[in-house]
Amino acid sequence: MSLEAELFDIEEGFWLSGEDHFLKHLDVRCLLAFPQAGEMHGVHSRADVAATATPQNRWRDLSMKDRSLLQPVEDMAIISYKAEVMRADGQPYSAIVSSAYARRPEGWKLALHQHSPI
């Protein structure tokens, strides 16, 4: 599997999967940048972020368009894409999203995740 396919597969899991996916694929600490009021923002532990992945707030019908990958150094990769998805409450949501991953001995881990709603 290509690096791009692997990272986008992991990324899709953050939208659609639950706590186990978060615990497996988040770095020890992760920087979140969500502009919406009430959303997590700043540096958080893996456990705190994973605890938010409850069945009642999972997304559905995700589309990731205009995918980009930049790997400036061997152990770091950044992806960006346009997300179109349905919130758990049935409301549509669109954003430009960026995520940075660090390669650790156990695999690629999400270190930064940012949304710019459109």
C-alpha atoms as a PDB file:
ATOM      1  CA  MET A   1       0.000   0.000   0.000  1.00  0.00           C
ATOM      2  CA  SER A   2       1.319   3.461  -0.855  1.00  0.00           C
ATOM      3  CA  LEU A   3       1.960   5.998   1.888  1.00  0.00           C
ATOM      4  CA  GLU A   4      -0.876   8.160   0.561  1.00  0.00           C
ATOM      5  CA  ALA A   5      -3.347   5.264   0.623  1.00  0.00           C
ATOM      6  CA  GLU A   6      -2.226   4.227   4.114  1.00  0.00           C
ATOM      7  CA  LEU A   7      -2.600   7.712   5.600  1.00  0.00           C
ATOM      8  CA  PHE A   8      -5.961   8.383   3.973  1.00  0.00           C
ATOM      9  CA  ASP A   9      -7.180   5.007   5.233  1.00  0.00           C
ATOM     10  CA  ILE A  10      -6.125   5.937   8.778  1.00  0.00           C
ATOM     11  CA  GLU A  11      -7.664   9.388   8.348  1.00  0.00           C
ATOM     12  CA  GLU A  12     -11.004   7.945   7.214  1.00  0.00           C
ATOM     13  CA  GLY A  13     -11.068   5.909  10.403  1.00  0.00           C
ATOM     14  CA  PHE A  14     -10.896   9.063  12.503  1.00  0.00           C
ATOM     15  CA  TRP A  15     -14.133  10.204  10.878  1.00  0.00           C
ATOM     16  CA  LEU A  16     -16.013   6.914  10.829  1.00  0.00           C
ATOM     17  CA  SER A  17     -14.536   4.550  13.434  1.00  0.00           C
ATOM     18  CA  GLY A  18     -14.579   4.559  17.206  1.00  0.00           C
ATOM     19  CA  GLU A  19     -12.325   4.821  20.221  1.00  0.00           C
ATOM     20  CA  ASP A  20     -10.178   1.773  19.367  1.00  0.00           C
ATOM     21  CA  HIS A  21      -9.102   3.375  16.077  1.00  0.00           C
ATOM     22  CA  PHE A  22      -8.185   6.592  17.888  1.00  0.00           C
ATOM     23  CA  LEU A  23      -6.161   4.753  20.531  1.00  0.00           C
ATOM     24  CA  LYS A  24      -4.274   2.837  17.840  1.00  0.00           C
ATOM     25  CA  HIS A  25      -3.533   5.758  15.494  1.00  0.00           C
ATOM     26  CA  LEU A  26      -3.156   8.907  17.638  1.00  0.00           C
ATOM     27  CA  ASP A  27       0.265  10.026  18.814  1.00  0.00           C
ATOM     28  CA  VAL A  28       0.770  10.313  22.581  1.00  0.00           C
ATOM     29  CA  ARG A  29      -0.239  13.993  22.358  1.00  0.00           C
ATOM     30  CA  CYS A  30      -2.110  15.573  19.470  1.00  0.00           C
ATOM     31  CA  LEU A  31      -2.675  19.208  18.477  1.00  0.00           C
ATOM     32  CA  LEU A  32      -6.269  19.840  17.431  1.00  0.00           C
ATOM     33  CA  ALA A  33      -7.333  23.041  15.679  1.00  0.00           C
ATOM     34  CA  PHE A  34     -11.113  23.251  15.373  1.00  0.00           C
ATOM     35  CA  PRO A  35     -12.597  26.744  14.928  1.00  0.00           C
ATOM     36  CA  GLN A  36     -16.110  25.735  15.995  1.00  0.00           C
ATOM     37  CA  ALA A  37     -17.238  26.748  19.485  1.00  0.00           C
ATOM     38  CA  GLY A  38     -17.324  23.812  21.850  1.00  0.00           C
ATOM     39  CA  GLU A  39     -14.860  21.696  19.837  1.00  0.00           C
ATOM     40  CA  MET A  40     -11.529  20.570  21.254  1.00  0.00           C
ATOM     41  CA  HIS A  41      -8.679  22.951  20.520  1.00  0.00           C
ATOM     42  CA  GLY A  42      -5.035  22.777  21.610  1.00  0.00           C
ATOM     43  CA  VAL A  43      -2.806  19.901  22.689  1.00  0.00           C
ATOM     44  CA  HIS A  44      -4.590  16.870  24.127  1.00  0.00           C
ATOM     45  CA  SER A  45      -3.628  13.392  25.255  1.00  0.00           C
ATOM     46  CA  ARG A  46      -4.403  10.326  23.180  1.00  0.00           C
ATOM     47  CA  ALA A  47      -6.867   9.126  25.838  1.00  0.00           C
ATOM     48  CA  ASP A  48      -8.750  12.444  25.992  1.00  0.00           C
ATOM     49  CA  VAL A  49      -9.174  12.628  22.218  1.00  0.00           C
ATOM     50  CA  ALA A  50     -10.112   8.950  21.925  1.00  0.00           C
ATOM     51  CA  ALA A  51     -12.811   9.406  24.571  1.00  0.00           C
ATOM     52  CA  THR A  52     -14.657  11.760  22.178  1.00  0.00           C
ATOM     53  CA  ALA A  53     -15.153   8.998  19.579  1.00  0.00           C
ATOM     54  CA  THR A  54     -18.493   7.828  20.908  1.00  0.00           C
ATOM     55  CA  PRO A  55     -21.209   6.187  18.779  1.00  0.00           C
ATOM     56  CA  GLN A  56     -23.525   9.201  19.203  1.00  0.00           C
ATOM     57  CA  ASN A  57     -21.079  11.638  17.577  1.00  0.00           C
ATOM     58  CA  ARG A  58     -19.764   9.563  14.653  1.00  0.00           C
ATOM     59  CA  TRP A  59     -19.924  10.917  11.122  1.00  0.00           C
ATOM     60  CA  ARG A  60     -21.253   9.153   8.020  1.00  0.00           C
ATOM     61  CA  ASP A  61     -21.205   9.397   4.218  1.00  0.00           C
ATOM     62  CA  LEU A  62     -17.660  10.781   4.117  1.00  0.00           C
ATOM     63  CA  SER A  63     -16.144  12.009   0.865  1.00  0.00           C
ATOM     64  CA  MET A  64     -12.488  13.145   0.759  1.00  0.00           C
ATOM     65  CA  LYS A  65     -11.703  15.132  -2.411  1.00  0.00           C
ATOM     66  CA  ASP A  66      -8.716  17.088  -3.698  1.00  0.00           C
ATOM     67  CA  ARG A  67      -6.284  14.908  -1.752  1.00  0.00           C
ATOM     68  CA  SER A  68      -2.701  16.063  -1.279  1.00  0.00           C
ATOM     69  CA  LEU A  69       0.317  14.530   0.435  1.00  0.00           C
ATOM     70  CA  LEU A  70       3.586  16.189   1.427  1.00  0.00           C
ATOM     71  CA  GLN A  71       6.419  14.240   3.042  1.00  0.00           C
ATOM     72  CA  PRO A  72       9.068  16.860   3.922  1.00  0.00           C
ATOM     73  CA  VAL A  73      11.182  14.364   5.891  1.00  0.00           C
ATOM     74  CA  GLU A  74      11.174  10.578   6.091  1.00  0.00           C
ATOM     75  CA  ASP A  75       9.364  10.312   9.443  1.00  0.00           C
ATOM     76  CA  MET A  76       6.728  13.023   8.876  1.00  0.00           C
ATOM     77  CA  ALA A  77       3.881  13.345   6.414  1.00  0.00           C
ATOM     78  CA  ILE A  78       1.108  15.902   5.970  1.00  0.00           C
ATOM     79  CA  ILE A  79      -2.148  15.304   4.157  1.00  0.00           C
ATOM     80  CA  SER A  80      -4.823  17.772   3.125  1.00  0.00           C
ATOM     81  CA  TYR A  81      -8.237  17.313   1.528  1.00  0.00           C
ATOM     82  CA  LYS A  82     -11.754  18.646   1.216  1.00  0.00           C
ATOM     83  CA  ALA A  83     -14.130  16.707   3.459  1.00  0.00           C
ATOM     84  CA  GLU A  84     -17.838  16.466   2.768  1.00  0.00           C
ATOM     85  CA  VAL A  85     -19.617  14.459   5.431  1.00  0.00           C
ATOM     86  CA  MET A  86     -22.854  14.122   7.365  1.00  0.00           C
ATOM     87  CA  ARG A  87     -22.807  14.882  11.087  1.00  0.00           C
ATOM     88  CA  ALA A  88     -24.370  12.425  13.514  1.00  0.00           C
ATOM     89  CA  ASP A  89     -27.312  14.868  13.840  1.00  0.00           C
ATOM     90  CA  GLY A  90     -27.944  14.690  10.072  1.00  0.00           C
ATOM     91  CA  GLN A  91     -26.469  18.099   9.235  1.00  0.00           C
ATOM     92  CA  PRO A  92     -24.037  18.304   6.285  1.00  0.00           C
ATOM     93  CA  TYR A  93     -20.514  19.544   6.989  1.00  0.00           C
ATOM     94  CA  SER A  94     -17.751  20.631   4.599  1.00  0.00           C
ATOM     95  CA  ALA A  95     -14.193  21.614   5.487  1.00  0.00           C
ATOM     96  CA  ILE A  96     -10.671  21.839   4.218  1.00  0.00           C
ATOM     97  CA  VAL A  97      -8.745  19.491   6.504  1.00  0.00           C
ATOM     98  CA  SER A  98      -5.043  19.037   7.206  1.00  0.00           C
ATOM     99  CA  SER A  99      -3.444  16.297   9.277  1.00  0.00           C
ATOM    100  CA  ALA A 100       0.191  15.714  10.148  1.00  0.00           C
ATOM    101  CA  TYR A 101       1.496  12.244  10.921  1.00  0.00           C
ATOM    102  CA  ALA A 102       4.715  11.173  12.638  1.00  0.00           C
ATOM    103  CA  ARG A 103       6.227   7.779  11.902  1.00  0.00           C
ATOM    104  CA  ARG A 104       6.768   5.892  15.142  1.00  0.00           C
ATOM    105  CA  PRO A 105       8.169   2.360  15.607  1.00  0.00           C
ATOM    106  CA  GLU A 106       4.588   1.020  15.732  1.00  0.00           C
ATOM    107  CA  GLY A 107       3.426   2.939  12.644  1.00  0.00           C
ATOM    108  CA  TRP A 108       2.102   6.332  11.529  1.00  0.00           C
ATOM    109  CA  LYS A 109       0.482   8.381  14.322  1.00  0.00           C
ATOM    110  CA  LEU A 110      -1.688  11.492  14.006  1.00  0.00           C
ATOM    111  CA  ALA A 111       0.069  14.462  15.653  1.00  0.00           C
ATOM    112  CA  LEU A 112      -2.004  17.376  14.276  1.00  0.00           C
ATOM    113  CA  HIS A 113      -5.528  17.671  12.904  1.00  0.00           C
ATOM    114  CA  GLN A 114      -7.060  20.939  11.651  1.00  0.00           C
ATOM    115  CA  HIS A 115     -10.412  21.919  10.094  1.00  0.00           C
ATOM    116  CA  SER A 116     -11.326  25.051   8.143  1.00  0.00           C
ATOM    117  CA  PRO A 117     -15.105  24.848   7.553  1.00  0.00           C
ATOM    118  CA  ILE A 118     -16.325  25.981   4.135  1.00  0.00           C
END
